[in-house]
Amino acid sequence: KEDKKVLRFVRVRQTISYNPLVNQDICEFEMYSLKSNSWKMIDDVITPDWKISLNHSGVSLKGNIYWYAQEEFPLYYSGPIPEDHPDFLLSFDIKRERLGPRLPLP
C-alpha cells in the first residue's frame, strides 16, 4: 500500500548570535507519514533567498510539490524589480525528500 505524506515547512526569522541587530530567515521542512504515523525532520534547513506569498498554496503533481515563488530582495532595497529577475516555480521532490531545482515560468 502506498504511503501518503504531508509536507510542512516553516519559515522562521532568527537573530544571528554574533550580531543581535541582524536577523536571518531559515526554512525547516518536516514530512508526516500516514503509514508510520509520525513526523520526520528533513535535513535541508536552508536560508532562503526566495519568498512564497501566504495566499499562494502549493500544487502536488507526479510526486513533486510546486510553489510560485519570487526572489527576495534585501530589506534595504528600494528600487524597481529588474526585468531580468523572473519569478519561478520552487519544487520539492517528495520521494527524495529534497528541494528540487528552480523552474522557469512558461
C-alpha atoms as a PDB file:
ATOM      1  CA  LYS A   1       0.000   0.000   0.000  1.00  0.00           C
ATOM      2  CA  GLU A   2       1.313   3.409  -0.975  1.00  0.00           C
ATOM      3  CA  ASP A   3       2.222   5.744   1.874  1.00  0.00           C
ATOM      4  CA  LYS A   4       0.514   9.143   1.985  1.00  0.00           C
ATOM      5  CA  LYS A   5       2.649  12.046   3.139  1.00  0.00           C
ATOM      6  CA  VAL A   6       2.188  15.627   4.271  1.00  0.00           C
ATOM      7  CA  LEU A   7       4.909  18.242   3.860  1.00  0.00           C
ATOM      8  CA  ARG A   8       5.137  21.141   6.279  1.00  0.00           C
ATOM      9  CA  PHE A   9       7.644  23.913   6.007  1.00  0.00           C
ATOM     10  CA  VAL A  10       8.080  26.775   8.397  1.00  0.00           C
ATOM     11  CA  ARG A  11       9.958  29.970   7.748  1.00  0.00           C
ATOM     12  CA  VAL A  12      11.462  31.405  10.925  1.00  0.00           C
ATOM     13  CA  ARG A  13      13.238  34.701  11.466  1.00  0.00           C
ATOM     14  CA  GLN A  14      16.056  34.420  13.992  1.00  0.00           C
ATOM     15  CA  THR A  15      18.688  36.755  15.354  1.00  0.00           C
ATOM     16  CA  ILE A  16      22.269  35.941  14.427  1.00  0.00           C
ATOM     17  CA  SER A  17      24.243  35.181  17.586  1.00  0.00           C
ATOM     18  CA  TYR A  18      27.293  37.272  16.725  1.00  0.00           C
ATOM     19  CA  ASN A  19      25.239  40.331  15.720  1.00  0.00           C
ATOM     20  CA  PRO A  20      21.923  40.821  17.566  1.00  0.00           C
ATOM     21  CA  LEU A  21      20.944  43.640  15.175  1.00  0.00           C
ATOM     22  CA  VAL A  22      20.847  41.293  12.162  1.00  0.00           C
ATOM     23  CA  ASN A  23      18.034  38.834  11.512  1.00  0.00           C
ATOM     24  CA  GLN A  24      18.196  35.813   9.275  1.00  0.00           C
ATOM     25  CA  ASP A  25      15.372  33.701   7.858  1.00  0.00           C
ATOM     26  CA  ILE A  26      15.624  29.926   7.847  1.00  0.00           C
ATOM     27  CA  CYS A  27      13.245  27.277   6.499  1.00  0.00           C
ATOM     28  CA  GLU A  28      12.680  23.964   8.183  1.00  0.00           C
ATOM     29  CA  PHE A  29      10.912  21.088   6.430  1.00  0.00           C
ATOM     30  CA  GLU A  30       9.035  18.225   8.072  1.00  0.00           C
ATOM     31  CA  MET A  31       7.340  15.210   6.474  1.00  0.00           C
ATOM     32  CA  TYR A  32       4.433  13.343   8.045  1.00  0.00           C
ATOM     33  CA  SER A  33       3.868   9.717   7.041  1.00  0.00           C
ATOM     34  CA  LEU A  34       0.419   8.175   7.461  1.00  0.00           C
ATOM     35  CA  LYS A  35       1.992   4.708   7.363  1.00  0.00           C
ATOM     36  CA  SER A  36       4.325   5.354  10.314  1.00  0.00           C
ATOM     37  CA  ASN A  37       2.018   7.949  11.946  1.00  0.00           C
ATOM     38  CA  SER A  38       4.988  10.194  12.675  1.00  0.00           C
ATOM     39  CA  TRP A  39       6.728  13.435  11.693  1.00  0.00           C
ATOM     40  CA  LYS A  40      10.275  13.367  10.323  1.00  0.00           C
ATOM     41  CA  MET A  41      12.553  16.399  10.210  1.00  0.00           C
ATOM     42  CA  ILE A  42      14.012  16.874   6.734  1.00  0.00           C
ATOM     43  CA  ASP A  43      17.740  17.580   6.831  1.00  0.00           C
ATOM     44  CA  ASP A  44      17.520  20.533   4.449  1.00  0.00           C
ATOM     45  CA  VAL A  45      17.486  23.542   6.769  1.00  0.00           C
ATOM     46  CA  ILE A  46      18.116  26.411   4.408  1.00  0.00           C
ATOM     47  CA  THR A  47      18.461  30.153   4.377  1.00  0.00           C
ATOM     48  CA  PRO A  48      16.021  31.037   1.608  1.00  0.00           C
ATOM     49  CA  ASP A  49      16.670  33.741  -0.947  1.00  0.00           C
ATOM     50  CA  TRP A  50      13.078  33.414  -2.136  1.00  0.00           C
ATOM     51  CA  LYS A  51       9.609  34.042  -0.784  1.00  0.00           C
ATOM     52  CA  ILE A  52       6.223  32.442  -1.241  1.00  0.00           C
ATOM     53  CA  SER A  53       3.200  34.654  -0.601  1.00  0.00           C
ATOM     54  CA  LEU A  54       0.819  33.406   2.072  1.00  0.00           C
ATOM     55  CA  ASN A  55      -2.032  33.313  -0.451  1.00  0.00           C
ATOM     56  CA  HIS A  56      -0.087  31.014  -2.843  1.00  0.00           C
ATOM     57  CA  SER A  57      -0.671  27.392  -1.940  1.00  0.00           C
ATOM     58  CA  GLY A  58       1.394  24.562  -3.373  1.00  0.00           C
ATOM     59  CA  VAL A  59       0.305  22.121  -6.068  1.00  0.00           C
ATOM     60  CA  SER A  60       1.145  18.411  -5.969  1.00  0.00           C
ATOM     61  CA  LEU A  61       1.871  16.718  -9.313  1.00  0.00           C
ATOM     62  CA  LYS A  62       3.623  13.418 -10.091  1.00  0.00           C
ATOM     63  CA  GLY A  63       5.494  13.130  -6.792  1.00  0.00           C
ATOM     64  CA  ASN A  64       6.525  16.781  -6.526  1.00  0.00           C
ATOM     65  CA  ILE A  65       5.086  19.849  -4.849  1.00  0.00           C
ATOM     66  CA  TYR A  66       5.392  23.174  -6.660  1.00  0.00           C
ATOM     67  CA  TRP A  67       5.023  26.731  -5.398  1.00  0.00           C
ATOM     68  CA  TYR A  68       5.000  30.030  -7.248  1.00  0.00           C
ATOM     69  CA  ALA A  69       7.984  31.854  -5.735  1.00  0.00           C
ATOM     70  CA  GLN A  70       9.782  35.151  -6.057  1.00  0.00           C
ATOM     71  CA  GLU A  71      13.358  36.009  -5.350  1.00  0.00           C
ATOM     72  CA  GLU A  72      13.587  38.032  -2.186  1.00  0.00           C
ATOM     73  CA  PHE A  73      15.336  41.363  -2.181  1.00  0.00           C
ATOM     74  CA  PRO A  74      17.174  42.706   0.878  1.00  0.00           C
ATOM     75  CA  LEU A  75      15.078  44.868   3.209  1.00  0.00           C
ATOM     76  CA  TYR A  76      17.111  47.935   2.292  1.00  0.00           C
ATOM     77  CA  TYR A  77      16.434  47.518  -1.471  1.00  0.00           C
ATOM     78  CA  SER A  78      14.090  50.265  -2.661  1.00  0.00           C
ATOM     79  CA  GLY A  79      14.388  50.231  -6.460  1.00  0.00           C
ATOM     80  CA  PRO A  80      12.151  48.626  -9.066  1.00  0.00           C
ATOM     81  CA  ILE A  81      12.342  44.882  -9.628  1.00  0.00           C
ATOM     82  CA  PRO A  82      14.766  44.295 -12.514  1.00  0.00           C
ATOM     83  CA  GLU A  83      13.283  42.774 -15.684  1.00  0.00           C
ATOM     84  CA  ASP A  84      15.940  40.035 -15.738  1.00  0.00           C
ATOM     85  CA  HIS A  85      14.747  38.937 -12.308  1.00  0.00           C
ATOM     86  CA  PRO A  86      11.968  36.474 -13.186  1.00  0.00           C
ATOM     87  CA  ASP A  87       9.639  34.681 -10.820  1.00  0.00           C
ATOM     88  CA  PHE A  88       9.928  30.890 -10.784  1.00  0.00           C
ATOM     89  CA  LEU A  89       8.464  27.615  -9.545  1.00  0.00           C
ATOM     90  CA  LEU A  90      10.049  26.150  -6.454  1.00  0.00           C
ATOM     91  CA  SER A  91       9.817  22.361  -6.343  1.00  0.00           C
ATOM     92  CA  PHE A  92      10.069  19.721  -3.644  1.00  0.00           C
ATOM     93  CA  ASP A  93      10.633  16.044  -4.514  1.00  0.00           C
ATOM     94  CA  ILE A  94       8.511  14.040  -2.062  1.00  0.00           C
ATOM     95  CA  LYS A  95      10.212  10.693  -2.724  1.00  0.00           C
ATOM     96  CA  ARG A  96      13.758  12.047  -2.290  1.00  0.00           C
ATOM     97  CA  GLU A  97      12.586  14.479   0.423  1.00  0.00           C
ATOM     98  CA  ARG A  98      14.661  17.296  -1.054  1.00  0.00           C
ATOM     99  CA  LEU A  99      14.139  20.662  -2.685  1.00  0.00           C
ATOM    100  CA  GLY A 100      14.393  20.444  -6.441  1.00  0.00           C
ATOM    101  CA  PRO A 101      15.735  22.984  -8.903  1.00  0.00           C
ATOM    102  CA  ARG A 102      14.111  26.330  -9.571  1.00  0.00           C
ATOM    103  CA  LEU A 103      11.982  26.051 -12.680  1.00  0.00           C
ATOM    104  CA  PRO A 104      11.343  28.963 -15.023  1.00  0.00           C
ATOM    105  CA  LEU A 105       7.762  30.012 -15.657  1.00  0.00           C
ATOM    106  CA  PRO A 106       6.417  29.331 -19.157  1.00  0.00           C
END
